[in-house]
N, C-alpha and C. Protein backbone atom coordinates (compact mmCIF):
# COMPACT_ATOMS: atom_id res chain seq x y z
N MET A 1 0.69 -1.09 0.20
CA MET A 1 0.22 0.03 0.05
C MET A 1 0.70 1.67 -0.39
N ALA A 2 0.86 2.29 -0.78
CA ALA A 2 1.38 2.90 -1.28
C ALA A 2 0.95 4.61 0.25
N ALA A 3 1.99 4.83 0.55
CA ALA A 3 1.85 5.79 1.87
C ALA A 3 1.23 6.98 1.69
N ASP A 4 0.32 7.52 2.78
CA ASP A 4 -0.23 8.79 2.82
C ASP A 4 0.78 9.66 2.28
N ARG A 5 1.17 10.93 1.41
CA ARG A 5 1.31 12.04 0.97
C ARG A 5 0.90 12.86 1.34
N SER A 6 -0.79 13.33 1.47
CA SER A 6 -1.14 14.61 1.52
C SER A 6 -0.11 15.36 2.55
N TYR A 7 0.24 14.90 3.34
CA TYR A 7 1.44 15.67 3.80
C TYR A 7 2.30 16.65 2.83
N VAL A 8 2.58 16.57 1.52
CA VAL A 8 3.31 16.97 0.87
C VAL A 8 2.72 18.82 0.18
N ASP A 9 1.13 18.31 -0.15
CA ASP A 9 0.42 19.49 -0.50
C ASP A 9 -0.24 20.74 0.73
N ALA A 10 -0.11 20.09 1.98
CA ALA A 10 0.26 20.60 2.77
C ALA A 10 1.51 21.63 3.16
N ASN A 11 2.29 21.37 3.47
CA ASN A 11 3.77 21.50 3.19
C ASN A 11 3.71 22.63 2.08
N ARG A 12 3.46 22.85 1.02
CA ARG A 12 3.71 23.17 0.33
C ARG A 12 2.67 24.65 0.20
N ALA A 13 1.16 24.13 0.82
CA ALA A 13 0.44 25.56 0.98
C ALA A 13 0.75 26.58 2.72
N ALA A 14 1.38 25.82 3.24
CA ALA A 14 2.25 26.79 4.45
C ALA A 14 3.49 27.07 3.65
N LEU A 15 4.41 26.47 2.75
CA LEU A 15 5.47 27.43 2.71
C LEU A 15 5.31 28.49 2.38
N ASP A 16 4.03 28.38 0.88
CA ASP A 16 3.58 29.76 0.20
C ASP A 16 2.65 30.82 0.98
N ARG A 17 2.42 30.16 1.97
CA ARG A 17 1.87 31.11 3.30
C ARG A 17 2.86 32.06 4.06
N LEU A 18 3.68 30.81 4.19
CA LEU A 18 4.90 31.75 4.90
C LEU A 18 5.82 32.27 3.72
N LYS A 19 6.01 32.22 3.01
CA LYS A 19 6.56 33.33 2.00
C LYS A 19 5.94 34.63 1.61
N GLY A 20 4.23 34.12 1.71
CA GLY A 20 3.96 35.76 1.40
C GLY A 20 3.95 36.56 3.12
N PHE A 21 3.77 35.70 3.89
CA PHE A 21 3.96 36.98 4.80
C PHE A 21 5.46 37.54 5.05
N VAL A 22 6.97 36.06 5.04
CA VAL A 22 7.95 37.43 4.88
C VAL A 22 8.61 38.37 3.86
N GLU A 23 7.90 37.63 2.64
CA GLU A 23 7.74 39.21 1.54
C GLU A 23 6.98 40.48 1.73
N LYS A 24 6.18 40.08 3.02
CA LYS A 24 5.04 41.41 2.77
C LYS A 24 5.35 42.33 4.58
N ALA A 25 6.24 41.54 5.32
CA ALA A 25 6.94 41.95 6.42
C ALA A 25 7.38 42.74 6.32
N SER A 26 7.42 43.92 7.45
CA SER A 26 8.41 45.27 7.39
C SER A 26 9.42 44.53 8.05
N ASP A 27 10.83 45.47 8.33
CA ASP A 27 11.98 45.06 9.29
C ASP A 27 10.60 45.19 10.80
N ALA A 28 10.28 46.39 10.62
CA ALA A 28 9.43 46.67 12.46
C ALA A 28 8.76 45.47 12.74
N ASP A 29 7.94 44.55 11.86
CA ASP A 29 6.78 43.43 12.18
C ASP A 29 8.00 42.67 12.10
N LEU A 30 9.24 42.21 11.96
CA LEU A 30 10.14 41.16 12.44
C LEU A 30 10.33 41.53 13.97
N GLU A 31 10.75 43.14 13.78
CA GLU A 31 11.41 43.19 15.50
C GLU A 31 10.44 43.32 16.40
N HIS A 32 9.17 43.08 16.19
CA HIS A 32 7.55 43.31 16.87
C HIS A 32 7.70 42.05 18.06
N PRO A 33 8.06 42.32 19.19
CA PRO A 33 7.96 41.31 20.43
C PRO A 33 6.81 40.34 20.63
N MET A 34 7.00 39.32 20.82
CA MET A 34 6.21 37.89 20.74
C MET A 34 5.90 38.29 22.01
N GLU A 35 5.74 36.60 23.05
CA GLU A 35 5.78 36.38 24.22
C GLU A 35 7.04 36.01 24.83
N ASP A 36 7.22 36.18 25.61
CA ASP A 36 8.64 35.40 26.78
C ASP A 36 9.97 35.83 25.91
N GLY A 37 9.98 36.69 25.54
CA GLY A 37 11.46 37.29 25.33
C GLY A 37 11.43 37.34 23.26
N TRP A 38 10.44 36.45 23.15
CA TRP A 38 10.98 35.89 21.58
C TRP A 38 10.31 37.33 20.20
N THR A 39 10.58 37.35 19.42
CA THR A 39 10.20 38.59 18.22
C THR A 39 9.89 37.72 17.28
N VAL A 40 9.04 38.87 16.40
CA VAL A 40 8.63 37.29 15.28
C VAL A 40 9.71 37.25 14.45
N ALA A 41 10.61 37.69 13.86
CA ALA A 41 11.93 36.98 13.79
C ALA A 41 12.40 35.23 14.37
N SER A 42 12.78 35.74 15.52
CA SER A 42 12.92 35.04 16.53
C SER A 42 12.24 33.47 16.17
N VAL A 43 11.06 33.85 16.53
CA VAL A 43 10.04 33.01 15.89
C VAL A 43 10.15 31.73 14.71
N LEU A 44 10.46 32.75 13.70
CA LEU A 44 10.51 32.69 12.31
C LEU A 44 11.64 31.61 12.07
N ALA A 45 12.96 32.04 12.88
CA ALA A 45 13.76 31.38 13.20
C ALA A 45 13.66 30.33 13.68
N HIS A 46 12.77 29.87 14.79
CA HIS A 46 12.51 28.51 15.98
C HIS A 46 12.34 27.83 14.65
N ALA A 47 11.40 28.34 13.93
CA ALA A 47 10.44 27.31 13.08
C ALA A 47 11.23 26.89 12.05
N ALA A 48 12.50 27.17 11.75
CA ALA A 48 13.51 27.28 10.80
C ALA A 48 14.55 25.97 11.19
N PHE A 49 14.59 26.31 13.08
CA PHE A 49 15.42 25.44 13.22
C PHE A 49 15.06 24.15 13.44
N TRP A 50 13.77 23.75 13.54
CA TRP A 50 12.73 22.36 13.22
C TRP A 50 13.19 22.02 12.14
N ASP A 51 12.18 22.81 11.18
CA ASP A 51 12.92 22.14 10.07
C ASP A 51 13.93 21.24 9.38
N LEU A 52 15.08 22.71 9.93
CA LEU A 52 16.91 21.99 9.65
C LEU A 52 16.83 20.70 10.50
N ARG A 53 16.14 20.45 12.14
CA ARG A 53 16.42 19.15 12.54
C ARG A 53 15.57 18.28 11.65
N VAL A 54 14.65 18.38 10.87
CA VAL A 54 14.02 17.05 9.76
C VAL A 54 15.00 16.89 9.03
N VAL A 55 15.57 18.33 8.46
CA VAL A 55 16.45 17.73 6.92
C VAL A 55 17.95 16.93 7.48
N ALA A 56 18.18 17.22 9.29
CA ALA A 56 19.59 16.91 9.47
C ALA A 56 19.16 15.54 9.40
N CYS A 57 18.62 15.15 10.20
CA CYS A 57 18.11 13.83 10.56
C CYS A 57 17.75 12.81 8.76
N VAL A 58 16.88 13.23 8.47
CA VAL A 58 16.54 12.51 7.18
C VAL A 58 18.02 12.52 6.20
N ASP A 59 18.48 13.48 6.18
CA ASP A 59 19.85 13.03 5.42
C ASP A 59 20.61 12.43 6.24
N ALA A 60 20.59 12.10 7.57
CA ALA A 60 21.58 11.14 8.38
C ALA A 60 20.98 9.59 8.09
N TRP A 61 19.69 9.77 8.02
CA TRP A 61 19.12 8.39 7.77
C TRP A 61 19.48 8.26 6.16
N GLY A 62 19.31 8.74 5.51
CA GLY A 62 19.94 7.89 4.27
C GLY A 62 18.34 7.58 3.41
N PRO A 63 19.16 7.64 1.88
CA PRO A 63 17.36 7.43 1.15
C PRO A 63 17.18 5.61 1.48
N ASN A 64 18.14 4.97 1.86
CA ASN A 64 17.49 3.63 2.17
C ASN A 64 17.48 3.35 3.76
N GLY A 65 17.61 4.19 4.28
CA GLY A 65 17.47 4.17 5.92
C GLY A 65 18.69 3.58 6.00
N SER A 66 19.59 3.44 5.86
CA SER A 66 20.68 2.73 6.45
C SER A 66 22.03 3.66 7.77
N GLY A 67 21.17 4.70 7.61
CA GLY A 67 22.34 5.90 8.59
C GLY A 67 21.24 5.26 9.61
N PRO A 68 21.62 6.51 11.13
CA PRO A 68 21.65 6.04 12.26
C PRO A 68 20.25 6.73 12.31
N VAL A 69 18.97 6.28 13.02
CA VAL A 69 17.71 6.29 13.31
C VAL A 69 17.54 7.64 13.76
N PRO A 70 16.93 8.23 13.12
CA PRO A 70 16.61 9.66 14.13
C PRO A 70 16.14 9.49 15.64
N THR A 71 16.33 9.90 16.09
CA THR A 71 15.73 10.21 17.94
C THR A 71 14.85 11.73 17.97
N TYR A 72 14.49 11.43 18.85
CA TYR A 72 13.69 12.88 19.56
C TYR A 72 12.94 12.12 20.48
N TYR A 73 12.82 13.50 21.89
CA TYR A 73 12.06 13.54 22.88
C TYR A 73 11.64 14.13 23.04
N ASP A 74 10.07 14.09 23.26
CA ASP A 74 9.35 15.49 23.52
C ASP A 74 9.70 16.10 24.61
N ASP A 75 9.58 15.32 26.02
CA ASP A 75 10.18 16.17 27.09
C ASP A 75 12.19 17.18 26.93
N ALA A 76 12.16 16.55 25.65
CA ALA A 76 13.52 17.69 25.49
C ALA A 76 13.33 18.97 25.02
N VAL A 77 11.77 18.98 24.14
CA VAL A 77 11.84 20.09 23.24
C VAL A 77 11.95 21.83 23.72
N ASP A 78 11.40 21.44 25.20
CA ASP A 78 11.69 23.24 26.17
C ASP A 78 13.27 23.64 26.33
N TRP A 79 13.77 22.61 26.76
CA TRP A 79 15.08 22.92 27.41
C TRP A 79 16.12 23.20 25.56
N ILE A 80 15.71 22.75 25.06
CA ILE A 80 16.11 22.40 23.19
C ILE A 80 15.87 24.13 22.82
N ASN A 81 14.56 24.38 22.96
CA ASN A 81 13.62 25.89 22.46
C ASN A 81 14.76 27.26 23.20
N ASP A 82 14.72 26.49 24.51
CA ASP A 82 15.61 27.58 25.60
C ASP A 82 17.36 27.76 25.11
N ALA A 83 17.55 26.65 25.08
CA ALA A 83 18.89 26.47 24.90
C ALA A 83 19.52 27.63 23.76
N ALA A 84 18.39 27.17 22.62
CA ALA A 84 18.49 27.90 20.85
C ALA A 84 18.51 29.41 21.09
N LYS A 85 17.52 29.95 21.99
CA LYS A 85 16.50 31.39 21.84
C LYS A 85 17.85 32.79 21.56
N PRO A 86 19.04 32.03 22.25
CA PRO A 86 19.99 33.35 21.80
C PRO A 86 20.49 33.44 21.05
N LEU A 87 20.87 31.85 20.29
CA LEU A 87 21.51 32.17 19.14
C LEU A 87 20.48 32.43 18.07
N ILE A 88 19.15 32.21 18.24
CA ILE A 88 17.99 32.22 17.08
C ILE A 88 17.94 33.86 17.54
N SER A 89 17.87 34.96 18.24
CA SER A 89 17.60 35.77 18.60
C SER A 89 18.81 36.89 18.39
N ALA A 90 20.05 36.18 18.03
CA ALA A 90 21.18 37.16 17.32
C ALA A 90 21.32 37.09 16.03
N LEU A 91 20.15 36.79 15.44
CA LEU A 91 20.16 36.72 13.89
C LEU A 91 19.63 38.24 13.32
N GLN A 92 20.06 38.77 12.40
CA GLN A 92 19.35 39.80 12.34
C GLN A 92 17.91 39.56 11.59
N PRO A 93 16.98 40.02 11.69
CA PRO A 93 15.34 39.43 11.55
C PRO A 93 15.80 39.30 10.22
N ARG A 94 15.86 39.95 8.95
CA ARG A 94 15.90 39.56 7.91
C ARG A 94 16.60 38.63 7.14
N VAL A 95 17.83 38.03 7.79
CA VAL A 95 18.66 36.94 8.00
C VAL A 95 17.51 35.95 8.50
N ALA A 96 16.76 35.99 9.27
CA ALA A 96 16.07 35.12 10.11
C ALA A 96 14.89 34.95 9.33
N ALA A 97 14.08 35.95 8.36
CA ALA A 97 13.52 35.29 7.62
C ALA A 97 13.85 34.47 6.05
N ARG A 98 14.56 34.96 5.85
CA ARG A 98 14.87 34.53 4.85
C ARG A 98 15.66 32.91 5.15
N VAL A 99 16.47 32.55 6.16
CA VAL A 99 16.44 31.26 6.63
C VAL A 99 15.70 30.44 6.88
N THR A 100 14.44 31.22 7.22
CA THR A 100 13.25 30.07 7.83
C THR A 100 12.69 30.10 6.28
N ILE A 101 12.55 30.66 5.57
CA ILE A 101 12.37 30.25 3.84
C ILE A 101 12.87 29.18 3.52
N GLU A 102 14.24 29.46 3.63
CA GLU A 102 15.14 28.11 3.24
C GLU A 102 15.61 26.80 3.71
N ALA A 103 14.98 27.45 5.08
CA ALA A 103 14.82 25.95 5.80
C ALA A 103 13.62 25.26 5.15
N ALA A 104 12.10 25.87 5.35
CA ALA A 104 11.17 25.22 5.18
C ALA A 104 11.57 24.48 3.93
N GLU A 105 11.73 25.07 2.65
CA GLU A 105 12.18 24.91 0.93
C GLU A 105 13.03 22.97 1.72
N ALA A 106 13.68 23.36 2.19
CA ALA A 106 14.87 22.09 2.54
C ALA A 106 13.75 21.07 2.81
N ALA A 107 13.08 21.43 4.37
CA ALA A 107 12.62 20.04 4.55
C ALA A 107 10.81 19.48 3.85
N ASP A 108 10.91 20.74 2.79
CA ASP A 108 9.45 19.77 2.27
C ASP A 108 10.40 19.21 1.61
N ASP A 109 11.18 19.11 0.65
CA ASP A 109 12.28 18.18 -0.55
C ASP A 109 12.27 17.09 0.33
N ARG A 110 12.88 16.88 1.50
CA ARG A 110 13.52 15.98 2.34
C ARG A 110 12.02 15.31 2.56
N VAL A 111 11.47 15.26 2.80
CA VAL A 111 9.64 14.45 2.90
C VAL A 111 9.48 14.43 2.31
N ALA A 112 9.34 15.09 1.26
CA ALA A 112 8.49 14.65 0.29
C ALA A 112 9.58 13.56 -0.74
N ARG A 113 10.54 13.86 -0.52
CA ARG A 113 11.43 12.81 -1.40
C ARG A 113 11.52 11.12 -0.34
N LEU A 114 11.05 10.70 0.75
CA LEU A 114 10.96 9.80 1.80
C LEU A 114 10.17 8.93 0.92
N SER A 115 11.12 7.78 0.53
CA SER A 115 10.44 6.63 -0.25
C SER A 115 9.20 5.64 1.16
N ASP A 116 8.33 5.05 0.62
CA ASP A 116 7.36 4.41 1.24
C ASP A 116 7.72 3.81 2.29
N ASP A 117 9.02 2.90 2.17
CA ASP A 117 9.14 2.09 2.79
C ASP A 117 9.96 3.24 4.44
N LEU A 118 10.17 4.20 4.27
CA LEU A 118 10.72 4.73 5.44
C LEU A 118 9.83 5.71 5.79
N LEU A 119 9.10 6.05 5.17
CA LEU A 119 7.72 6.40 6.37
C LEU A 119 6.91 5.78 6.68
N ALA A 120 6.76 4.22 6.32
CA ALA A 120 6.44 3.02 7.15
C ALA A 120 6.80 3.19 8.65
N ARG A 121 8.41 2.68 8.03
CA ARG A 121 9.88 2.63 9.06
C ARG A 121 9.62 3.81 10.20
N ASN A 122 9.65 4.84 10.00
CA ASN A 122 9.03 6.19 10.46
C ASN A 122 7.94 6.32 11.13
N GLU A 123 6.78 6.15 10.84
CA GLU A 123 5.64 5.59 11.47
C GLU A 123 6.14 5.25 12.93
N ALA A 124 6.40 3.49 12.41
CA ALA A 124 6.29 2.55 13.37
C ALA A 124 7.22 2.75 14.54
N LEU A 125 8.01 4.23 14.04
CA LEU A 125 9.16 4.50 15.28
C LEU A 125 8.64 5.34 16.19
N GLY A 126 7.04 5.95 15.84
CA GLY A 126 6.10 7.01 16.64
C GLY A 126 6.49 8.42 16.02
N LEU A 127 6.97 8.24 14.49
CA LEU A 127 7.06 9.50 13.84
C LEU A 127 8.23 10.56 14.54
N LEU A 128 9.37 9.68 14.24
CA LEU A 128 10.72 10.81 14.52
C LEU A 128 10.96 11.69 13.76
N ILE A 129 10.62 12.00 13.04
CA ILE A 129 10.76 12.64 11.62
C ILE A 129 9.00 13.07 11.83
N ASN A 130 8.74 14.32 11.66
CA ASN A 130 7.08 14.54 11.27
C ASN A 130 7.34 15.00 9.89
N PRO A 131 6.57 14.45 8.92
CA PRO A 131 6.67 14.98 7.75
C PRO A 131 5.80 16.26 7.12
N ASP A 132 5.36 16.49 8.23
CA ASP A 132 4.04 17.40 8.09
C ASP A 132 4.61 18.31 8.68
N ARG A 133 5.09 19.27 8.24
CA ARG A 133 6.10 20.50 8.76
C ARG A 133 4.92 21.55 8.53
N ALA A 134 3.56 21.53 8.21
CA ALA A 134 2.85 22.52 7.97
C ALA A 134 2.57 23.41 9.27
N ASP A 135 1.41 21.66 10.01
CA ASP A 135 1.15 21.91 11.51
C ASP A 135 1.74 23.30 12.13
N HIS A 136 3.42 23.03 12.42
CA HIS A 136 3.93 24.38 12.89
C HIS A 136 4.64 25.32 12.56
N ARG A 137 4.40 25.49 11.41
CA ARG A 137 4.93 26.34 10.63
C ARG A 137 3.59 27.10 11.03
N LEU A 138 2.31 26.81 10.82
CA LEU A 138 1.07 27.41 10.69
C LEU A 138 0.85 27.72 12.30
N GLU A 139 1.42 26.77 13.32
CA GLU A 139 0.61 27.48 14.52
C GLU A 139 1.33 28.78 14.76
N HIS A 140 2.75 28.94 14.31
CA HIS A 140 3.49 30.08 14.48
C HIS A 140 3.31 31.45 13.47
N LEU A 141 2.92 31.07 12.60
CA LEU A 141 2.07 31.81 11.65
C LEU A 141 0.86 32.58 11.63
N ASP A 142 0.12 31.80 12.51
CA ASP A 142 -0.78 32.15 13.29
C ASP A 142 -0.85 33.01 14.74
N GLU A 143 -0.03 32.68 15.08
CA GLU A 143 0.33 33.08 16.11
C GLU A 143 1.32 34.98 16.26
N ILE A 144 2.01 34.78 14.91
CA ILE A 144 2.54 36.11 14.30
C ILE A 144 1.08 36.99 14.64
N GLU A 145 0.81 36.60 13.16
CA GLU A 145 -0.15 37.27 12.38
C GLU A 145 -1.50 38.01 13.46
N GLN A 146 -2.00 37.04 14.82
CA GLN A 146 -2.09 37.51 15.57
C GLN A 146 -1.98 38.93 16.61
N THR A 147 -0.94 38.49 16.74
CA THR A 147 0.45 39.34 17.35
C THR A 147 0.05 41.04 16.75
N LEU A 148 0.48 40.96 15.09
CA LEU A 148 0.46 41.47 14.44
C LEU A 148 -0.67 42.54 14.38
N SER A 149 -1.78 42.08 14.80
CA SER A 149 -3.20 42.69 14.82
C SER A 149 -3.61 43.67 15.38
N ARG A 150 -2.87 42.86 16.87
CA ARG A 150 -3.28 44.17 18.16
C ARG A 150 -3.00 45.60 18.00
């Protein structure tokens, strides 16, 4: 049975929305404060970080799954985000926005090219690589757009 690849279209739509936001965002928009010491740009870079995690995991795993199995621990997310925030926040806002687009494009490419076998193995492992990148992007885009509309 062929793997469900509906995530490819969802990722494309989320990437298109992300690109549209970045293209119209002013520098003031990108520097706008968000909750917990984040800015719009650093939230975008946060999304880039997690897309780049997917890229690194898929690349290491390899096209036939012969590389190291990706690891991921839900309880590690908070400290990973907290540890990365100073580095992410140090990026110039426009650089953060550009890197976010590049990371999203790379992640979408990698997950779109996963073989049916690797998708099945990934699912059996508990989705250590989430091929549906749209959910995370859209969550943060919604949050950003709500904040900027206030």
